[in-house]
Amino acid sequence: PPGGCPQVDAQLLVVQKLEEKERGLQSSLAAVEKELALRSQALELNKRKAVEAAQLAEDLRAQGEHIQGRLRELQACAAENQAAKEKESLSLKRAQ
């Protein structure tokens, strides 16, 4: 029949609008999921960088301790040499 039933037409319009709304929500959901995936990747990358930075800091601390220990050894050695020189000098003066 021409024009159809107004009540059926109105219901079809409501269904179409609901389907459009659903499509819009689905595309919004897809966009949010994509954003979430990108943020998760960024978070993992930052976690890895943080672990690497912590490891580097630990390595540098260990190197610093090693260098300080070596410096103390060299200072002690220098002090011994200085004492030996002074003793030698004193012995030489006595001999003269």
N, C-alpha and C. Protein backbone atom coordinates (compact mmCIF):
# COMPACT_ATOMS: atom_id res chain seq x y z
N PRO A 1 0.84 -1.21 0.00
CA PRO A 1 0.00 0.00 0.00
C PRO A 1 0.87 1.25 0.00
N PRO A 2 0.46 2.29 -0.78
CA PRO A 2 1.29 3.50 -0.84
C PRO A 2 1.34 4.22 0.50
N GLY A 3 2.58 4.70 0.83
CA GLY A 3 2.73 5.41 2.11
C GLY A 3 2.97 4.48 3.27
N GLY A 4 2.51 3.27 3.24
CA GLY A 4 2.70 2.30 4.32
C GLY A 4 1.97 2.71 5.57
N CYS A 5 2.17 1.92 6.61
CA CYS A 5 1.52 2.19 7.91
C CYS A 5 2.38 3.17 8.70
N PRO A 6 1.85 4.31 9.13
CA PRO A 6 2.66 5.30 9.85
C PRO A 6 3.32 4.74 11.11
N GLN A 7 2.63 3.86 11.82
CA GLN A 7 3.19 3.30 13.06
C GLN A 7 4.42 2.44 12.74
N VAL A 8 4.33 1.65 11.67
CA VAL A 8 5.46 0.79 11.26
C VAL A 8 6.62 1.66 10.80
N ASP A 9 6.31 2.71 10.03
CA ASP A 9 7.36 3.63 9.56
C ASP A 9 8.09 4.26 10.75
N ALA A 10 7.33 4.68 11.73
CA ALA A 10 7.92 5.32 12.92
C ALA A 10 8.82 4.33 13.66
N GLN A 11 8.38 3.07 13.77
CA GLN A 11 9.19 2.04 14.45
C GLN A 11 10.48 1.76 13.67
N LEU A 12 10.36 1.72 12.32
CA LEU A 12 11.55 1.51 11.48
C LEU A 12 12.55 2.65 11.68
N LEU A 13 12.04 3.87 11.76
CA LEU A 13 12.90 5.04 11.97
C LEU A 13 13.64 4.93 13.31
N VAL A 14 12.90 4.52 14.34
CA VAL A 14 13.51 4.34 15.67
C VAL A 14 14.61 3.27 15.59
N VAL A 15 14.33 2.17 14.90
CA VAL A 15 15.32 1.08 14.76
C VAL A 15 16.55 1.59 14.01
N GLN A 16 16.35 2.34 12.94
CA GLN A 16 17.47 2.88 12.17
C GLN A 16 18.34 3.80 13.02
N LYS A 17 17.66 4.66 13.79
CA LYS A 17 18.41 5.59 14.66
C LYS A 17 19.20 4.83 15.72
N LEU A 18 18.59 3.78 16.26
CA LEU A 18 19.30 2.96 17.26
C LEU A 18 20.51 2.27 16.64
N GLU A 19 20.33 1.78 15.40
CA GLU A 19 21.45 1.11 14.70
C GLU A 19 22.59 2.10 14.43
N GLU A 20 22.22 3.31 14.02
CA GLU A 20 23.24 4.35 13.79
C GLU A 20 23.98 4.66 15.09
N LYS A 21 23.21 4.78 16.17
CA LYS A 21 23.80 5.08 17.48
C LYS A 21 24.76 3.95 17.88
N GLU A 22 24.35 2.71 17.63
CA GLU A 22 25.19 1.56 17.97
C GLU A 22 26.49 1.58 17.16
N ARG A 23 26.37 1.90 15.87
CA ARG A 23 27.58 1.99 15.04
C ARG A 23 28.52 3.07 15.57
N GLY A 24 27.94 4.22 15.94
CA GLY A 24 28.74 5.31 16.50
C GLY A 24 29.45 4.88 17.78
N LEU A 25 28.72 4.18 18.64
CA LEU A 25 29.31 3.70 19.91
C LEU A 25 30.41 2.67 19.65
N GLN A 26 30.17 1.79 18.65
CA GLN A 26 31.18 0.78 18.33
C GLN A 26 32.47 1.42 17.80
N SER A 27 32.32 2.46 16.97
CA SER A 27 33.52 3.12 16.46
C SER A 27 34.24 3.88 17.59
N SER A 28 33.44 4.47 18.51
CA SER A 28 34.05 5.13 19.67
C SER A 28 34.81 4.12 20.53
N LEU A 29 34.20 2.96 20.73
CA LEU A 29 34.83 1.90 21.52
C LEU A 29 36.13 1.44 20.86
N ALA A 30 36.10 1.29 19.53
CA ALA A 30 37.32 0.87 18.80
C ALA A 30 38.42 1.91 18.97
N ALA A 31 38.05 3.20 18.90
CA ALA A 31 39.04 4.27 19.07
C ALA A 31 39.64 4.24 20.48
N VAL A 32 38.79 4.03 21.49
CA VAL A 32 39.26 3.96 22.88
C VAL A 32 40.19 2.76 23.07
N GLU A 33 39.82 1.62 22.47
CA GLU A 33 40.66 0.41 22.60
C GLU A 33 42.02 0.63 21.95
N LYS A 34 42.03 1.32 20.79
CA LYS A 34 43.30 1.61 20.10
C LYS A 34 44.17 2.52 20.97
N GLU A 35 43.55 3.55 21.53
CA GLU A 35 44.26 4.48 22.42
C GLU A 35 44.84 3.74 23.63
N LEU A 36 44.04 2.84 24.20
CA LEU A 36 44.48 2.06 25.35
C LEU A 36 45.68 1.19 24.99
N ALA A 37 45.63 0.57 23.80
CA ALA A 37 46.74 -0.28 23.35
C ALA A 37 48.01 0.55 23.21
N LEU A 38 47.89 1.76 22.62
CA LEU A 38 49.06 2.63 22.45
C LEU A 38 49.63 3.06 23.80
N ARG A 39 48.72 3.39 24.72
CA ARG A 39 49.19 3.80 26.06
C ARG A 39 49.86 2.64 26.80
N SER A 40 49.34 1.44 26.61
CA SER A 40 49.95 0.25 27.24
C SER A 40 51.36 0.02 26.69
N GLN A 41 51.51 0.19 25.37
CA GLN A 41 52.84 0.03 24.75
C GLN A 41 53.80 1.07 25.32
N ALA A 42 53.33 2.32 25.43
CA ALA A 42 54.18 3.39 25.96
C ALA A 42 54.58 3.09 27.40
N LEU A 43 53.63 2.56 28.18
CA LEU A 43 53.91 2.22 29.58
C LEU A 43 54.98 1.13 29.68
N GLU A 44 54.85 0.10 28.84
CA GLU A 44 55.84 -0.99 28.83
C GLU A 44 57.22 -0.45 28.47
N LEU A 45 57.26 0.43 27.46
CA LEU A 45 58.53 1.02 27.03
C LEU A 45 59.15 1.81 28.18
N ASN A 46 58.33 2.61 28.87
CA ASN A 46 58.83 3.41 29.99
C ASN A 46 59.31 2.52 31.14
N LYS A 47 58.60 1.40 31.37
CA LYS A 47 59.04 0.45 32.42
C LYS A 47 60.42 -0.11 32.07
N ARG A 48 60.59 -0.50 30.78
CA ARG A 48 61.89 -1.04 30.36
C ARG A 48 62.99 0.00 30.52
N LYS A 49 62.68 1.25 30.14
CA LYS A 49 63.68 2.32 30.28
C LYS A 49 64.04 2.54 31.75
N ALA A 50 63.04 2.46 32.62
CA ALA A 50 63.28 2.65 34.06
C ALA A 50 64.19 1.54 34.60
N VAL A 51 63.93 0.30 34.16
CA VAL A 51 64.77 -0.83 34.60
C VAL A 51 66.20 -0.65 34.11
N GLU A 52 66.35 -0.23 32.84
CA GLU A 52 67.69 -0.01 32.27
C GLU A 52 68.40 1.11 33.02
N ALA A 53 67.67 2.19 33.33
CA ALA A 53 68.27 3.33 34.05
C ALA A 53 68.72 2.90 35.45
N ALA A 54 67.90 2.08 36.12
CA ALA A 54 68.25 1.59 37.47
C ALA A 54 69.51 0.71 37.39
N GLN A 55 69.59 -0.13 36.35
CA GLN A 55 70.75 -1.00 36.17
C GLN A 55 72.01 -0.17 35.92
N LEU A 56 71.85 0.86 35.06
CA LEU A 56 72.98 1.74 34.77
C LEU A 56 73.45 2.46 36.04
N ALA A 57 72.50 2.94 36.84
CA ALA A 57 72.85 3.63 38.09
C ALA A 57 73.61 2.69 39.02
N GLU A 58 73.15 1.43 39.09
CA GLU A 58 73.82 0.43 39.94
C GLU A 58 75.24 0.17 39.44
N ASP A 59 75.39 0.03 38.11
CA ASP A 59 76.72 -0.19 37.53
C ASP A 59 77.66 0.98 37.85
N LEU A 60 77.13 2.20 37.70
CA LEU A 60 77.94 3.39 37.96
C LEU A 60 78.33 3.48 39.44
N ARG A 61 77.39 3.11 40.33
CA ARG A 61 77.69 3.13 41.77
C ARG A 61 78.82 2.14 42.09
N ALA A 62 78.72 0.94 41.49
CA ALA A 62 79.76 -0.08 41.72
C ALA A 62 81.11 0.39 41.19
N GLN A 63 81.10 1.02 40.01
CA GLN A 63 82.35 1.55 39.44
C GLN A 63 82.93 2.63 40.35
N GLY A 64 82.04 3.50 40.86
CA GLY A 64 82.49 4.58 41.75
C GLY A 64 83.15 4.01 43.01
N GLU A 65 82.54 2.97 43.57
CA GLU A 65 83.11 2.33 44.78
C GLU A 65 84.48 1.73 44.46
N HIS A 66 84.58 1.08 43.30
CA HIS A 66 85.85 0.46 42.89
C HIS A 66 86.93 1.55 42.75
N ILE A 67 86.58 2.66 42.12
CA ILE A 67 87.53 3.75 41.91
C ILE A 67 87.95 4.36 43.25
N GLN A 68 86.98 4.52 44.17
CA GLN A 68 87.32 5.07 45.49
C GLN A 68 88.28 4.15 46.23
N GLY A 69 88.02 2.84 46.13
CA GLY A 69 88.92 1.86 46.78
C GLY A 69 90.33 1.94 46.22
N ARG A 70 90.41 2.04 44.89
CA ARG A 70 91.72 2.13 44.22
C ARG A 70 92.43 3.42 44.63
N LEU A 71 91.66 4.52 44.73
CA LEU A 71 92.22 5.81 45.13
C LEU A 71 92.79 5.72 46.55
N ARG A 72 92.05 5.06 47.45
CA ARG A 72 92.55 4.89 48.83
C ARG A 72 93.86 4.09 48.84
N GLU A 73 93.92 3.04 48.01
CA GLU A 73 95.16 2.24 47.92
C GLU A 73 96.33 3.10 47.45
N LEU A 74 96.07 3.91 46.40
CA LEU A 74 97.14 4.76 45.85
C LEU A 74 97.58 5.82 46.87
N GLN A 75 96.60 6.36 47.62
CA GLN A 75 96.95 7.37 48.64
C GLN A 75 97.81 6.75 49.73
N ALA A 76 97.45 5.53 50.15
CA ALA A 76 98.23 4.83 51.18
C ALA A 76 99.64 4.56 50.67
N CYS A 77 99.73 4.13 49.40
CA CYS A 77 101.03 3.84 48.78
C CYS A 77 101.89 5.12 48.72
N ALA A 78 101.25 6.24 48.33
CA ALA A 78 101.96 7.52 48.25
C ALA A 78 102.45 7.94 49.63
N ALA A 79 101.63 7.73 50.64
CA ALA A 79 102.01 8.09 52.01
C ALA A 79 103.20 7.25 52.47
N GLU A 80 103.18 5.96 52.13
CA GLU A 80 104.30 5.07 52.48
C GLU A 80 105.59 5.53 51.80
N ASN A 81 105.47 5.88 50.51
CA ASN A 81 106.64 6.36 49.75
C ASN A 81 107.20 7.63 50.36
N GLN A 82 106.29 8.54 50.74
CA GLN A 82 106.70 9.81 51.35
C GLN A 82 107.44 9.54 52.67
N ALA A 83 106.87 8.62 53.49
CA ALA A 83 107.50 8.29 54.77
C ALA A 83 108.88 7.67 54.55
N ALA A 84 108.97 6.79 53.55
CA ALA A 84 110.26 6.14 53.25
C ALA A 84 111.29 7.18 52.80
N LYS A 85 110.84 8.14 51.97
CA LYS A 85 111.74 9.20 51.50
C LYS A 85 112.27 10.03 52.67
N GLU A 86 111.32 10.40 53.56
CA GLU A 86 111.71 11.22 54.71
C GLU A 86 112.70 10.47 55.60
N LYS A 87 112.48 9.16 55.77
CA LYS A 87 113.38 8.34 56.59
C LYS A 87 114.77 8.29 55.95
N GLU A 88 114.77 8.11 54.63
CA GLU A 88 116.02 8.06 53.85
C GLU A 88 116.78 9.38 53.99
N SER A 89 116.04 10.48 53.87
CA SER A 89 116.62 11.82 53.96
C SER A 89 117.23 12.05 55.34
N LEU A 90 116.49 11.58 56.38
CA LEU A 90 116.99 11.74 57.74
C LEU A 90 118.28 10.93 57.95
N SER A 91 118.31 9.69 57.43
CA SER A 91 119.49 8.84 57.54
C SER A 91 120.67 9.47 56.84
N LEU A 92 120.43 10.10 55.68
CA LEU A 92 121.48 10.75 54.89
C LEU A 92 122.06 11.94 55.68
N LYS A 93 121.16 12.70 56.32
CA LYS A 93 121.62 13.86 57.10
C LYS A 93 122.48 13.40 58.27
N ARG A 94 122.04 12.30 58.92
CA ARG A 94 122.80 11.77 60.05
C ARG A 94 124.19 11.32 59.60
N ALA A 95 124.23 10.69 58.44
CA ALA A 95 125.49 10.16 57.92
C ALA A 95 126.44 11.31 57.59
N GLN A 96 125.85 12.43 57.11
CA GLN A 96 126.70 13.58 56.81
C GLN A 96 127.18 14.24 58.11
